Amino acid sequence: MHTLAVLALDGVIPFDLSTPIEVFSRTRLPDGRSPYRVRICAPTEEVDAGAFVLRAPWGLEALAEADTIVLPGLADPAVPVPADVLDALRRAAADGTRIASICSGAFIFAATGLLDGLRATTHWVAAQALAEMYPAVEVDPDVLYVDNGQFLTSAGAAAGLDLCLHMIRRDHGSAVAADAARLSVMPLEREGGQAQFIVHQQPPAPRGSLMEPLLRWLEDNAARDLTLDDIAGRAGMSTRTLNRRFREQTGTTPLQWLHRARIRQAQHLLETTAHPVERIAARVGFGSPTAFRDRFKRLVGTSPHAYRHAFREKPAAVTDPVPRVHARAQDPPHAVGGGRPGS
């Protein structure tokens, strides 16, 4: 079982502390087993969390036994980090332990020197301060999270959820991460300039909404050569009205939604079959392999070949029909802004 240690220091932000506890504790494998053992660690017997005081069951020695360490943010990130904490983190890193920070936890991380020369992020409010305090760190304030492989950082608040789900996806694949996302009631469409680094999942319409039957039809017919007029005709409204109502209820446009549905179906085929990319492109509704590769790269952040290499663990039957896939997490580990620019 994967041991995940959450480090609580004085001034810890309760939201950041609870995020990894809840997400990883509730994650389940397809057979119902829990893949993670979560431990709360602290350098002192009691930790001041602002509105309350907590007692951590484990001390710093537990960091040496962890497979992953999560560093929640601090209310005052400028407070010096205790030397024994920094030493414990450096030793864990030297042993290959994965370390991830949430929000201003990046300041703890940067104080170890482990982020020097690497790209990292934090809450946008604190990004400039992080860059000034630790000039050897390449701070990117525009992304939700950055994956450098062993070391990961995330922005504030809900971005910590994105990062936790991303790590689950790295560890156990898209389906397990998607189930964890549903349990977390995560927004499934994230807008903004950092979209290429985000988990692009399909935004569902609220149950009982006017769009729900249309979305089901789009999923079932995603492989067809559909135009906006075709979709509007199916919905029984003008294209202008369709665009307006679709965006109101899903946060995106019909054609963007359709493209993402096709890409999700393609991801499933890349993960579970040995079909050539050209065949997959045709099966999910793209007129040419080139158009498919371009769209896949734009939405997922990597090529179909690289995605298959990252996620396909073993050969599977190649006769499975294109599935209806709901709320799948998508990006492979190196497609979410990890490493250095261009990675």
C-alpha atoms as a PDB file:
ATOM      1  CA  MET A   1       0.000   0.000   0.000  1.00  0.00           C
ATOM      2  CA  HIS A   2       1.206   3.505  -0.860  1.00  0.00           C
ATOM      3  CA  THR A   3       1.948   5.549   2.272  1.00  0.00           C
ATOM      4  CA  LEU A   4       1.147   9.246   1.955  1.00  0.00           C
ATOM      5  CA  ALA A   5       2.346  11.609   4.674  1.00  0.00           C
ATOM      6  CA  VAL A   6       0.752  15.044   5.080  1.00  0.00           C
ATOM      7  CA  LEU A   7       3.072  17.417   6.946  1.00  0.00           C
ATOM      8  CA  ALA A   8       1.350  19.839   9.336  1.00  0.00           C
ATOM      9  CA  LEU A   9       3.322  22.837  10.606  1.00  0.00           C
ATOM     10  CA  ASP A  10       2.175  25.707  12.831  1.00  0.00           C
ATOM     11  CA  GLY A  11       0.006  28.032  10.772  1.00  0.00           C
ATOM     12  CA  VAL A  12      -1.134  25.274   8.423  1.00  0.00           C
ATOM     13  CA  ILE A  13      -4.126  26.207   6.265  1.00  0.00           C
ATOM     14  CA  PRO A  14      -6.929  23.778   7.224  1.00  0.00           C
ATOM     15  CA  PHE A  15      -8.314  23.574   3.688  1.00  0.00           C
ATOM     16  CA  ASP A  16      -4.923  22.602   2.271  1.00  0.00           C
ATOM     17  CA  LEU A  17      -4.408  20.094   5.070  1.00  0.00           C
ATOM     18  CA  SER A  18      -7.777  18.416   4.577  1.00  0.00           C
ATOM     19  CA  THR A  19      -7.614  18.201   0.779  1.00  0.00           C
ATOM     20  CA  PRO A  20      -5.090  15.351   0.477  1.00  0.00           C
ATOM     21  CA  ILE A  21      -6.543  13.609   3.541  1.00  0.00           C
ATOM     22  CA  GLU A  22     -10.011  13.475   2.031  1.00  0.00           C
ATOM     23  CA  VAL A  23      -9.078  12.794  -1.595  1.00  0.00           C
ATOM     24  CA  PHE A  24      -6.555  10.019  -0.980  1.00  0.00           C
ATOM     25  CA  SER A  25      -8.428   8.427   1.943  1.00  0.00           C
ATOM     26  CA  ARG A  26     -11.584   8.060  -0.130  1.00  0.00           C
ATOM     27  CA  THR A  27      -9.887   6.752  -3.284  1.00  0.00           C
ATOM     28  CA  ARG A  28     -10.798   3.183  -4.159  1.00  0.00           C
ATOM     29  CA  LEU A  29      -9.514   0.720  -6.734  1.00  0.00           C
ATOM     30  CA  PRO A  30     -11.986  -1.138  -8.995  1.00  0.00           C
ATOM     31  CA  ASP A  31     -12.025  -4.061  -6.544  1.00  0.00           C
ATOM     32  CA  GLY A  32     -12.907  -1.764  -3.657  1.00  0.00           C
ATOM     33  CA  ARG A  33      -9.492  -1.735  -1.992  1.00  0.00           C
ATOM     34  CA  SER A  34      -7.952   1.485  -0.696  1.00  0.00           C
ATOM     35  CA  PRO A  35      -4.592   2.095  -2.406  1.00  0.00           C
ATOM     36  CA  TYR A  36      -3.372   4.759   0.027  1.00  0.00           C
ATOM     37  CA  ARG A  37      -2.461   4.847   3.702  1.00  0.00           C
ATOM     38  CA  VAL A  38      -2.649   8.490   4.878  1.00  0.00           C
ATOM     39  CA  ARG A  39      -0.631   9.710   7.864  1.00  0.00           C
ATOM     40  CA  ILE A  40      -0.600  13.181   9.419  1.00  0.00           C
ATOM     41  CA  CYS A  41       2.891  14.144  10.572  1.00  0.00           C
ATOM     42  CA  ALA A  42       4.219  17.104  12.543  1.00  0.00           C
ATOM     43  CA  PRO A  43       7.486  18.168  14.191  1.00  0.00           C
ATOM     44  CA  THR A  44       5.684  19.004  17.442  1.00  0.00           C
ATOM     45  CA  GLU A  45       3.056  17.299  19.578  1.00  0.00           C
ATOM     46  CA  GLU A  46       0.494  20.021  18.858  1.00  0.00           C
ATOM     47  CA  VAL A  47       0.045  22.172  15.752  1.00  0.00           C
ATOM     48  CA  ASP A  48      -1.642  25.566  15.671  1.00  0.00           C
ATOM     49  CA  ALA A  49      -4.047  25.574  12.730  1.00  0.00           C
ATOM     50  CA  GLY A  50      -5.544  28.977  13.481  1.00  0.00           C
ATOM     51  CA  ALA A  51      -9.152  28.154  14.290  1.00  0.00           C
ATOM     52  CA  PHE A  52      -8.141  25.012  16.162  1.00  0.00           C
ATOM     53  CA  VAL A  53      -5.199  23.028  17.492  1.00  0.00           C
ATOM     54  CA  LEU A  54      -4.498  19.569  16.143  1.00  0.00           C
ATOM     55  CA  ARG A  55      -2.505  16.630  17.448  1.00  0.00           C
ATOM     56  CA  ALA A  56      -0.676  14.682  14.742  1.00  0.00           C
ATOM     57  CA  PRO A  57      -0.362  10.922  15.326  1.00  0.00           C
ATOM     58  CA  TRP A  58       3.088  10.761  13.693  1.00  0.00           C
ATOM     59  CA  GLY A  59       6.296  12.759  13.960  1.00  0.00           C
ATOM     60  CA  LEU A  60       8.931  13.629  11.389  1.00  0.00           C
ATOM     61  CA  GLU A  61      10.319  10.095  11.485  1.00  0.00           C
ATOM     62  CA  ALA A  62       7.256   8.974   9.510  1.00  0.00           C
ATOM     63  CA  LEU A  63       8.436  11.019   6.522  1.00  0.00           C
ATOM     64  CA  ALA A  64      11.222   8.493   5.983  1.00  0.00           C
ATOM     65  CA  GLU A  65       8.609   5.740   5.556  1.00  0.00           C
ATOM     66  CA  ALA A  66       6.392   7.654   3.133  1.00  0.00           C
ATOM     67  CA  ASP A  67       6.094   7.059  -0.599  1.00  0.00           C
ATOM     68  CA  THR A  68       4.606  10.545  -1.054  1.00  0.00           C
ATOM     69  CA  ILE A  69       4.827  13.629   1.152  1.00  0.00           C
ATOM     70  CA  VAL A  70       2.320  16.469   0.794  1.00  0.00           C
ATOM     71  CA  LEU A  71       3.148  19.962   2.058  1.00  0.00           C
ATOM     72  CA  PRO A  72      -0.008  22.016   2.766  1.00  0.00           C
ATOM     73  CA  GLY A  73       0.196  25.805   2.694  1.00  0.00           C
ATOM     74  CA  LEU A  74       0.867  28.096   5.626  1.00  0.00           C
ATOM     75  CA  ALA A  75      -1.107  31.207   6.558  1.00  0.00           C
ATOM     76  CA  ASP A  76       2.184  33.128   6.741  1.00  0.00           C
ATOM     77  CA  PRO A  77       4.540  31.575   4.185  1.00  0.00           C
ATOM     78  CA  ALA A  78       7.378  33.905   5.204  1.00  0.00           C
ATOM     79  CA  VAL A  79       7.758  32.200   8.594  1.00  0.00           C
ATOM     80  CA  PRO A  80      11.082  30.304   8.683  1.00  0.00           C
ATOM     81  CA  VAL A  81      10.774  26.535   8.341  1.00  0.00           C
ATOM     82  CA  PRO A  82      12.340  24.563  11.225  1.00  0.00           C
ATOM     83  CA  ALA A  83      15.715  23.092  10.314  1.00  0.00           C
ATOM     84  CA  ASP A  84      14.716  19.567  11.324  1.00  0.00           C
ATOM     85  CA  VAL A  85      11.779  19.726   8.908  1.00  0.00           C
ATOM     86  CA  LEU A  86      14.014  20.818   6.029  1.00  0.00           C
ATOM     87  CA  ASP A  87      16.526  18.082   6.811  1.00  0.00           C
ATOM     88  CA  ALA A  88      13.808  15.420   6.921  1.00  0.00           C
ATOM     89  CA  LEU A  89      12.433  16.535   3.563  1.00  0.00           C
ATOM     90  CA  ARG A  90      15.887  16.546   1.962  1.00  0.00           C
ATOM     91  CA  ARG A  91      16.577  13.036   3.246  1.00  0.00           C
ATOM     92  CA  ALA A  92      13.242  11.794   1.935  1.00  0.00           C
ATOM     93  CA  ALA A  93      13.927  13.357  -1.464  1.00  0.00           C
ATOM     94  CA  ALA A  94      17.339  11.700  -1.595  1.00  0.00           C
ATOM     95  CA  ASP A  95      15.595   8.356  -1.031  1.00  0.00           C
ATOM     96  CA  GLY A  96      13.317   8.999  -4.017  1.00  0.00           C
ATOM     97  CA  THR A  97      10.170   9.995  -2.130  1.00  0.00           C
ATOM     98  CA  ARG A  98       7.652  11.967  -4.185  1.00  0.00           C
ATOM     99  CA  ILE A  99       7.006  15.383  -2.658  1.00  0.00           C
ATOM    100  CA  ALA A 100       4.093  17.675  -3.549  1.00  0.00           C
ATOM    101  CA  SER A 101       3.059  21.073  -2.238  1.00  0.00           C
ATOM    102  CA  ILE A 102      -0.331  22.760  -2.134  1.00  0.00           C
ATOM    103  CA  CYS A 103      -0.707  26.545  -2.297  1.00  0.00           C
ATOM    104  CA  SER A 104       1.911  28.299  -0.146  1.00  0.00           C
ATOM    105  CA  GLY A 105       3.357  24.928   0.786  1.00  0.00           C
ATOM    106  CA  ALA A 106       5.659  25.747  -2.124  1.00  0.00           C
ATOM    107  CA  PHE A 107       7.535  28.076   0.271  1.00  0.00           C
ATOM    108  CA  ILE A 108       8.340  25.123   2.541  1.00  0.00           C
ATOM    109  CA  PHE A 109       9.369  23.151  -0.524  1.00  0.00           C
ATOM    110  CA  ALA A 110      11.543  25.933  -1.923  1.00  0.00           C
ATOM    111  CA  ALA A 111      13.279  26.410   1.434  1.00  0.00           C
ATOM    112  CA  THR A 112      14.745  22.910   1.084  1.00  0.00           C
ATOM    113  CA  GLY A 113      16.522  23.899  -2.138  1.00  0.00           C
ATOM    114  CA  LEU A 114      14.895  20.951  -3.901  1.00  0.00           C
ATOM    115  CA  LEU A 115      13.053  23.235  -6.331  1.00  0.00           C
ATOM    116  CA  ASP A 116      16.141  25.155  -7.432  1.00  0.00           C
ATOM    117  CA  GLY A 117      16.324  25.211 -11.225  1.00  0.00           C
ATOM    118  CA  LEU A 118      12.837  23.749 -11.545  1.00  0.00           C
ATOM    119  CA  ARG A 119       9.507  25.169 -12.604  1.00  0.00           C
ATOM    120  CA  ALA A 120       6.995  25.556  -9.779  1.00  0.00           C
ATOM    121  CA  THR A 121       3.754  27.296  -8.921  1.00  0.00           C
ATOM    122  CA  THR A 122       1.825  28.529  -5.910  1.00  0.00           C
ATOM    123  CA  HIS A 123      -1.236  30.659  -5.225  1.00  0.00           C
ATOM    124  CA  TRP A 124      -1.145  33.600  -7.626  1.00  0.00           C
ATOM    125  CA  VAL A 125      -1.275  36.056  -4.720  1.00  0.00           C
ATOM    126  CA  ALA A 126       1.979  34.625  -3.363  1.00  0.00           C
ATOM    127  CA  ALA A 127       3.755  33.943  -6.661  1.00  0.00           C
ATOM    128  CA  GLN A 128       5.774  37.155  -6.731  1.00  0.00           C
ATOM    129  CA  ALA A 129       6.863  36.699  -3.122  1.00  0.00           C
ATOM    130  CA  LEU A 130       7.971  33.129  -3.873  1.00  0.00           C
ATOM    131  CA  ALA A 131       9.988  34.297  -6.875  1.00  0.00           C
ATOM    132  CA  GLU A 132      11.644  37.055  -4.827  1.00  0.00           C
ATOM    133  CA  MET A 133      12.462  34.842  -1.861  1.00  0.00           C
ATOM    134  CA  TYR A 134      13.729  31.950  -3.982  1.00  0.00           C
ATOM    135  CA  PRO A 135      15.118  33.359  -7.252  1.00  0.00           C
ATOM    136  CA  ALA A 136      16.567  29.968  -8.233  1.00  0.00           C
ATOM    137  CA  VAL A 137      13.011  28.650  -8.631  1.00  0.00           C
ATOM    138  CA  GLU A 138      11.218  29.335 -11.921  1.00  0.00           C
ATOM    139  CA  VAL A 139       7.814  30.458 -10.636  1.00  0.00           C
ATOM    140  CA  ASP A 140       4.879  30.170 -13.037  1.00  0.00           C
ATOM    141  CA  PRO A 141       1.787  31.914 -11.614  1.00  0.00           C
ATOM    142  CA  ASP A 142      -0.504  30.961 -14.502  1.00  0.00           C
ATOM    143  CA  VAL A 143      -0.856  27.208 -14.044  1.00  0.00           C
ATOM    144  CA  LEU A 144      -2.866  25.058 -11.672  1.00  0.00           C
ATOM    145  CA  TYR A 145      -0.042  22.672 -10.995  1.00  0.00           C
ATOM    146  CA  VAL A 146       3.409  21.686 -12.205  1.00  0.00           C
ATOM    147  CA  ASP A 147       4.710  18.129 -12.376  1.00  0.00           C
ATOM    148  CA  ASN A 148       8.487  17.730 -12.383  1.00  0.00           C
ATOM    149  CA  GLY A 149       8.270  13.997 -11.868  1.00  0.00           C
ATOM    150  CA  GLN A 150       9.434  13.503  -8.271  1.00  0.00           C
ATOM    151  CA  PHE A 151       8.535  17.043  -7.232  1.00  0.00           C
ATOM    152  CA  LEU A 152       5.112  18.628  -7.809  1.00  0.00           C
ATOM    153  CA  THR A 153       3.576  21.969  -6.843  1.00  0.00           C
ATOM    154  CA  SER A 154       0.074  23.383  -7.114  1.00  0.00           C
ATOM    155  CA  ALA A 155      -1.718  26.695  -6.899  1.00  0.00           C
ATOM    156  CA  GLY A 156      -4.137  27.471  -4.085  1.00  0.00           C
ATOM    157  CA  ALA A 157      -7.508  26.188  -2.944  1.00  0.00           C
ATOM    158  CA  ALA A 158      -9.173  23.893  -5.520  1.00  0.00           C
ATOM    159  CA  ALA A 159      -5.925  23.507  -7.454  1.00  0.00           C
ATOM    160  CA  GLY A 160      -4.802  21.243  -4.630  1.00  0.00           C
ATOM    161  CA  LEU A 161      -7.641  18.935  -5.630  1.00  0.00           C
ATOM    162  CA  ASP A 162      -6.437  19.001  -9.227  1.00  0.00           C
ATOM    163  CA  LEU A 163      -2.966  18.024  -8.084  1.00  0.00           C
ATOM    164  CA  CYS A 164      -4.185  15.177  -5.869  1.00  0.00           C
ATOM    165  CA  LEU A 165      -6.301  13.771  -8.689  1.00  0.00           C
ATOM    166  CA  HIS A 166      -3.357  14.092 -11.040  1.00  0.00           C
ATOM    167  CA  MET A 167      -1.188  12.028  -8.700  1.00  0.00           C
ATOM    168  CA  ILE A 168      -3.915   9.400  -8.396  1.00  0.00           C
ATOM    169  CA  ARG A 169      -4.094   9.278 -12.180  1.00  0.00           C
ATOM    170  CA  ARG A 170      -0.333   8.797 -12.350  1.00  0.00           C
ATOM    171  CA  ASP A 171      -0.504   5.997  -9.800  1.00  0.00           C
ATOM    172  CA  HIS A 172      -3.645   4.134 -10.867  1.00  0.00           C
ATOM    173  CA  GLY A 173      -4.903   5.450 -14.198  1.00  0.00           C
ATOM    174  CA  SER A 174      -7.740   7.589 -15.490  1.00  0.00           C
ATOM    175  CA  ALA A 175     -10.707   5.518 -14.329  1.00  0.00           C
ATOM    176  CA  VAL A 176      -9.677   5.511 -10.663  1.00  0.00           C
ATOM    177  CA  ALA A 177      -8.921   9.236 -10.816  1.00  0.00           C
ATOM    178  CA  ALA A 178     -12.294   9.933 -12.431  1.00  0.00           C
ATOM    179  CA  ASP A 179     -14.076   8.104  -9.607  1.00  0.00           C
ATOM    180  CA  ALA A 180     -12.095  10.139  -7.076  1.00  0.00           C
ATOM    181  CA  ALA A 181     -13.058  13.323  -8.930  1.00  0.00           C
ATOM    182  CA  ARG A 182     -16.738  12.448  -8.710  1.00  0.00           C
ATOM    183  CA  LEU A 183     -16.444  11.807  -4.973  1.00  0.00           C
ATOM    184  CA  SER A 184     -14.786  15.213  -4.612  1.00  0.00           C
ATOM    185  CA  VAL A 185     -17.581  16.845  -6.668  1.00  0.00           C
ATOM    186  CA  MET A 186     -14.930  18.530  -8.756  1.00  0.00           C
ATOM    187  CA  PRO A 187     -15.840  21.055 -11.459  1.00  0.00           C
ATOM    188  CA  LEU A 188     -15.332  19.222 -14.717  1.00  0.00           C
ATOM    189  CA  GLU A 189     -14.464  22.193 -16.917  1.00  0.00           C
ATOM    190  CA  ARG A 190     -11.730  24.578 -15.879  1.00  0.00           C
ATOM    191  CA  GLU A 191     -11.455  27.790 -17.844  1.00  0.00           C
ATOM    192  CA  GLY A 192      -8.479  30.140 -18.081  1.00  0.00           C
ATOM    193  CA  GLY A 193      -5.160  30.711 -19.774  1.00  0.00           C
ATOM    194  CA  GLN A 194      -3.669  27.678 -18.006  1.00  0.00           C
ATOM    195  CA  ALA A 195      -6.081  25.296 -19.762  1.00  0.00           C
ATOM    196  CA  GLN A 196      -3.323  23.224 -21.391  1.00  0.00           C
ATOM    197  CA  PHE A 197      -2.147  22.149 -17.929  1.00  0.00           C
ATOM    198  CA  ILE A 198      -5.556  21.283 -16.516  1.00  0.00           C
ATOM    199  CA  VAL A 199      -7.462  18.034 -16.188  1.00  0.00           C
ATOM    200  CA  HIS A 200      -9.840  18.496 -19.118  1.00  0.00           C
ATOM    201  CA  GLN A 201     -12.994  16.632 -18.242  1.00  0.00           C
ATOM    202  CA  GLN A 202     -16.398  16.886 -19.821  1.00  0.00           C
ATOM    203  CA  PRO A 203     -18.721  19.348 -18.059  1.00  0.00           C
ATOM    204  CA  PRO A 204     -22.010  17.545 -17.399  1.00  0.00           C
ATOM    205  CA  ALA A 205     -25.328  19.333 -17.572  1.00  0.00           C
ATOM    206  CA  PRO A 206     -27.342  19.318 -14.358  1.00  0.00           C
ATOM    207  CA  ARG A 207     -29.680  16.361 -14.148  1.00  0.00           C
ATOM    208  CA  GLY A 208     -33.067  17.180 -15.560  1.00  0.00           C
ATOM    209  CA  SER A 209     -31.738  20.095 -17.595  1.00  0.00           C
ATOM    210  CA  LEU A 210     -32.732  20.715 -21.195  1.00  0.00           C
ATOM    211  CA  MET A 211     -29.231  19.825 -22.386  1.00  0.00           C
ATOM    212  CA  GLU A 212     -28.964  16.413 -20.751  1.00  0.00           C
ATOM    213  CA  PRO A 213     -30.690  14.402 -23.536  1.00  0.00           C
ATOM    214  CA  LEU A 214     -28.665  16.255 -26.160  1.00  0.00           C
ATOM    215  CA  LEU A 215     -25.394  15.486 -24.373  1.00  0.00           C
ATOM    216  CA  ARG A 216     -26.282  11.792 -24.261  1.00  0.00           C
ATOM    217  CA  TRP A 217     -27.046  11.889 -27.973  1.00  0.00           C
ATOM    218  CA  LEU A 218     -23.757  13.655 -28.698  1.00  0.00           C
ATOM    219  CA  GLU A 219     -21.804  11.013 -26.801  1.00  0.00           C
ATOM    220  CA  ASP A 220     -23.559   8.214 -28.677  1.00  0.00           C
ATOM    221  CA  ASN A 221     -23.014   9.903 -32.031  1.00  0.00           C
ATOM    222  CA  ALA A 222     -19.603  11.491 -31.514  1.00  0.00           C
ATOM    223  CA  ALA A 223     -18.095   9.416 -34.350  1.00  0.00           C
ATOM    224  CA  ARG A 224     -20.453  10.954 -36.892  1.00  0.00           C
ATOM    225  CA  ASP A 225     -19.535  13.972 -39.021  1.00  0.00           C
ATOM    226  CA  LEU A 226     -21.716  16.402 -37.060  1.00  0.00           C
ATOM    227  CA  THR A 227     -22.027  20.101 -37.755  1.00  0.00           C
ATOM    228  CA  LEU A 228     -23.434  22.816 -35.519  1.00  0.00           C
ATOM    229  CA  ASP A 229     -26.563  22.793 -37.706  1.00  0.00           C
ATOM    230  CA  ASP A 230     -26.942  19.044 -37.121  1.00  0.00           C
ATOM    231  CA  ILE A 231     -26.717  19.499 -33.366  1.00  0.00           C
ATOM    232  CA  ALA A 232     -29.115  22.448 -33.392  1.00  0.00           C
ATOM    233  CA  GLY A 233     -31.561  20.444 -35.468  1.00  0.00           C
ATOM    234  CA  ARG A 234     -31.431  17.608 -32.991  1.00  0.00           C
ATOM    235  CA  ALA A 235     -32.047  20.059 -30.158  1.00  0.00           C
ATOM    236  CA  GLY A 236     -34.911  21.695 -32.043  1.00  0.00           C
ATOM    237  CA  MET A 237     -33.564  25.229 -31.782  1.00  0.00           C
ATOM    238  CA  SER A 238     -31.554  27.739 -33.753  1.00  0.00           C
ATOM    239  CA  THR A 239     -27.770  27.600 -33.665  1.00  0.00           C
ATOM    240  CA  ARG A 240     -27.683  30.924 -31.839  1.00  0.00           C
ATOM    241  CA  THR A 241     -30.072  29.724 -29.138  1.00  0.00           C
ATOM    242  CA  LEU A 242     -28.250  26.411 -28.895  1.00  0.00           C
ATOM    243  CA  ASN A 243     -24.882  28.099 -28.345  1.00  0.00           C
ATOM    244  CA  ARG A 244     -26.313  30.382 -25.674  1.00  0.00           C
ATOM    245  CA  ARG A 245     -28.154  27.689 -23.730  1.00  0.00           C
ATOM    246  CA  PHE A 246     -25.337  25.171 -24.125  1.00  0.00           C
ATOM    247  CA  ARG A 247     -22.793  27.571 -22.678  1.00  0.00           C
ATOM    248  CA  GLU A 248     -25.151  28.543 -19.850  1.00  0.00           C
ATOM    249  CA  GLN A 249     -25.556  24.929 -18.773  1.00  0.00           C
ATOM    250  CA  THR A 250     -22.157  23.391 -19.575  1.00  0.00           C
ATOM    251  CA  GLY A 251     -19.710  26.297 -19.684  1.00  0.00           C
ATOM    252  CA  THR A 252     -18.559  25.505 -23.221  1.00  0.00           C
ATOM    253  CA  THR A 253     -19.834  25.328 -26.820  1.00  0.00           C
ATOM    254  CA  PRO A 254     -21.445  22.315 -28.533  1.00  0.00           C
ATOM    255  CA  LEU A 255     -18.509  21.762 -30.886  1.00  0.00           C
ATOM    256  CA  GLN A 256     -15.928  22.096 -28.110  1.00  0.00           C
ATOM    257  CA  TRP A 257     -17.925  19.614 -26.061  1.00  0.00           C
ATOM    258  CA  LEU A 258     -18.070  17.242 -29.033  1.00  0.00           C
ATOM    259  CA  HIS A 259     -14.317  17.508 -29.619  1.00  0.00           C
ATOM    260  CA  ARG A 260     -13.622  16.634 -25.995  1.00  0.00           C
ATOM    261  CA  ALA A 261     -16.019  13.689 -26.128  1.00  0.00           C
ATOM    262  CA  ARG A 262     -14.148  12.362 -29.171  1.00  0.00           C
ATOM    263  CA  ILE A 263     -10.772  12.856 -27.512  1.00  0.00           C
ATOM    264  CA  ARG A 264     -11.931  11.052 -24.360  1.00  0.00           C
ATOM    265  CA  GLN A 265     -13.088   8.120 -26.453  1.00  0.00           C
ATOM    266  CA  ALA A 266      -9.747   8.150 -28.241  1.00  0.00           C
ATOM    267  CA  GLN A 267      -7.916   8.141 -24.917  1.00  0.00           C
ATOM    268  CA  HIS A 268      -9.819   5.067 -23.819  1.00  0.00           C
ATOM    269  CA  LEU A 269      -8.900   3.269 -27.058  1.00  0.00           C
ATOM    270  CA  LEU A 270      -5.269   4.320 -26.724  1.00  0.00           C
ATOM    271  CA  GLU A 271      -5.225   2.942 -23.177  1.00  0.00           C
ATOM    272  CA  THR A 272      -7.056  -0.330 -23.837  1.00  0.00           C
ATOM    273  CA  THR A 273      -6.395  -1.389 -27.444  1.00  0.00           C
ATOM    274  CA  ALA A 274      -3.545  -1.812 -29.898  1.00  0.00           C
ATOM    275  CA  HIS A 275      -5.378  -0.051 -32.726  1.00  0.00           C
ATOM    276  CA  PRO A 276      -3.174   2.181 -34.894  1.00  0.00           C
ATOM    277  CA  VAL A 277      -3.638   5.891 -34.339  1.00  0.00           C
ATOM    278  CA  GLU A 278      -5.124   6.232 -37.826  1.00  0.00           C
ATOM    279  CA  ARG A 279      -7.841   3.704 -37.044  1.00  0.00           C
ATOM    280  CA  ILE A 280      -8.652   5.342 -33.725  1.00  0.00           C
ATOM    281  CA  ALA A 281      -8.904   8.733 -35.423  1.00  0.00           C
ATOM    282  CA  ALA A 282     -11.495   7.368 -37.835  1.00  0.00           C
ATOM    283  CA  ARG A 283     -13.442   5.516 -35.144  1.00  0.00           C
ATOM    284  CA  VAL A 284     -13.928   8.599 -32.979  1.00  0.00           C
ATOM    285  CA  GLY A 285     -15.032  10.871 -35.802  1.00  0.00           C
ATOM    286  CA  PHE A 286     -11.976  12.702 -37.122  1.00  0.00           C
ATOM    287  CA  GLY A 287     -11.706  13.118 -40.869  1.00  0.00           C
ATOM    288  CA  SER A 288      -7.945  12.704 -40.944  1.00  0.00           C
ATOM    289  CA  PRO A 289      -5.182  11.419 -38.634  1.00  0.00           C
ATOM    290  CA  THR A 290      -3.481  14.810 -38.875  1.00  0.00           C
ATOM    291  CA  ALA A 291      -6.564  16.632 -37.614  1.00  0.00           C
ATOM    292  CA  PHE A 292      -6.880  14.072 -34.823  1.00  0.00           C
ATOM    293  CA  ARG A 293      -3.254  14.470 -33.734  1.00  0.00           C
ATOM    294  CA  ASP A 294      -3.525  18.262 -33.756  1.00  0.00           C
ATOM    295  CA  ARG A 295      -6.724  18.271 -31.694  1.00  0.00           C
ATOM    296  CA  PHE A 296      -5.389  15.631 -29.293  1.00  0.00           C
ATOM    297  CA  LYS A 297      -2.189  17.615 -28.727  1.00  0.00           C
ATOM    298  CA  ARG A 298      -4.175  20.808 -28.191  1.00  0.00           C
ATOM    299  CA  LEU A 299      -6.547  19.330 -25.584  1.00  0.00           C
ATOM    300  CA  VAL A 300      -4.369  16.748 -23.840  1.00  0.00           C
ATOM    301  CA  GLY A 301      -0.993  18.427 -24.135  1.00  0.00           C
ATOM    302  CA  THR A 302       0.858  15.487 -25.635  1.00  0.00           C
ATOM    303  CA  SER A 303       0.733  13.254 -28.715  1.00  0.00           C
ATOM    304  CA  PRO A 304      -1.475  10.142 -29.002  1.00  0.00           C
ATOM    305  CA  HIS A 305       1.669   8.005 -29.162  1.00  0.00           C
ATOM    306  CA  ALA A 306       3.119   9.516 -25.973  1.00  0.00           C
ATOM    307  CA  TYR A 307      -0.226   9.196 -24.212  1.00  0.00           C
ATOM    308  CA  ARG A 308      -0.457   5.513 -25.123  1.00  0.00           C
ATOM    309  CA  HIS A 309       3.090   4.943 -23.932  1.00  0.00           C
ATOM    310  CA  ALA A 310       2.279   6.563 -20.581  1.00  0.00           C
ATOM    311  CA  PHE A 311      -1.041   4.845 -19.905  1.00  0.00           C
ATOM    312  CA  ARG A 312      -1.256   1.534 -21.749  1.00  0.00           C
ATOM    313  CA  GLU A 313       0.047  -1.053 -19.316  1.00  0.00           C
ATOM    314  CA  LYS A 314      -0.754  -4.246 -21.193  1.00  0.00           C
ATOM    315  CA  PRO A 315      -2.366  -5.330 -24.471  1.00  0.00           C
ATOM    316  CA  ALA A 316      -6.125  -5.610 -24.504  1.00  0.00           C
ATOM    317  CA  ALA A 317      -8.727  -6.965 -26.869  1.00  0.00           C
ATOM    318  CA  VAL A 318      -9.006  -4.776 -29.946  1.00  0.00           C
ATOM    319  CA  THR A 319     -12.611  -5.532 -30.723  1.00  0.00           C
ATOM    320  CA  ASP A 320     -14.173  -3.463 -27.952  1.00  0.00           C
ATOM    321  CA  PRO A 321     -16.648  -0.837 -29.184  1.00  0.00           C
ATOM    322  CA  VAL A 322     -16.054   2.842 -28.556  1.00  0.00           C
ATOM    323  CA  PRO A 323     -17.306   3.335 -24.980  1.00  0.00           C
ATOM    324  CA  ARG A 324     -19.409   6.042 -23.478  1.00  0.00           C
ATOM    325  CA  VAL A 325     -16.958   7.590 -21.054  1.00  0.00           C
ATOM    326  CA  HIS A 326     -18.091  10.059 -18.422  1.00  0.00           C
ATOM    327  CA  ALA A 327     -15.951  12.571 -16.525  1.00  0.00           C
ATOM    328  CA  ARG A 328     -12.602  10.982 -17.299  1.00  0.00           C
ATOM    329  CA  ALA A 329      -9.392  12.557 -16.087  1.00  0.00           C
ATOM    330  CA  GLN A 330      -7.093  12.985 -19.022  1.00  0.00           C
ATOM    331  CA  ASP A 331      -3.633  14.410 -19.037  1.00  0.00           C
ATOM    332  CA  PRO A 332      -0.625  12.100 -18.774  1.00  0.00           C
ATOM    333  CA  PRO A 333       1.959  13.024 -16.151  1.00  0.00           C
ATOM    334  CA  HIS A 334       4.174  15.063 -18.458  1.00  0.00           C
ATOM    335  CA  ALA A 335       1.323  17.000 -20.087  1.00  0.00           C
ATOM    336  CA  VAL A 336       0.337  19.202 -17.201  1.00  0.00           C
ATOM    337  CA  GLY A 337       3.092  21.750 -17.138  1.00  0.00           C
ATOM    338  CA  GLY A 338       5.655  19.454 -15.553  1.00  0.00           C
ATOM    339  CA  GLY A 339       9.405  19.766 -15.886  1.00  0.00           C
ATOM    340  CA  ARG A 340      10.835  22.582 -17.882  1.00  0.00           C
ATOM    341  CA  PRO A 341       9.194  24.528 -20.692  1.00  0.00           C
ATOM    342  CA  GLY A 342       8.653  22.308 -23.682  1.00  0.00           C
ATOM    343  CA  SER A 343       8.472  19.125 -21.641  1.00  0.00           C
END
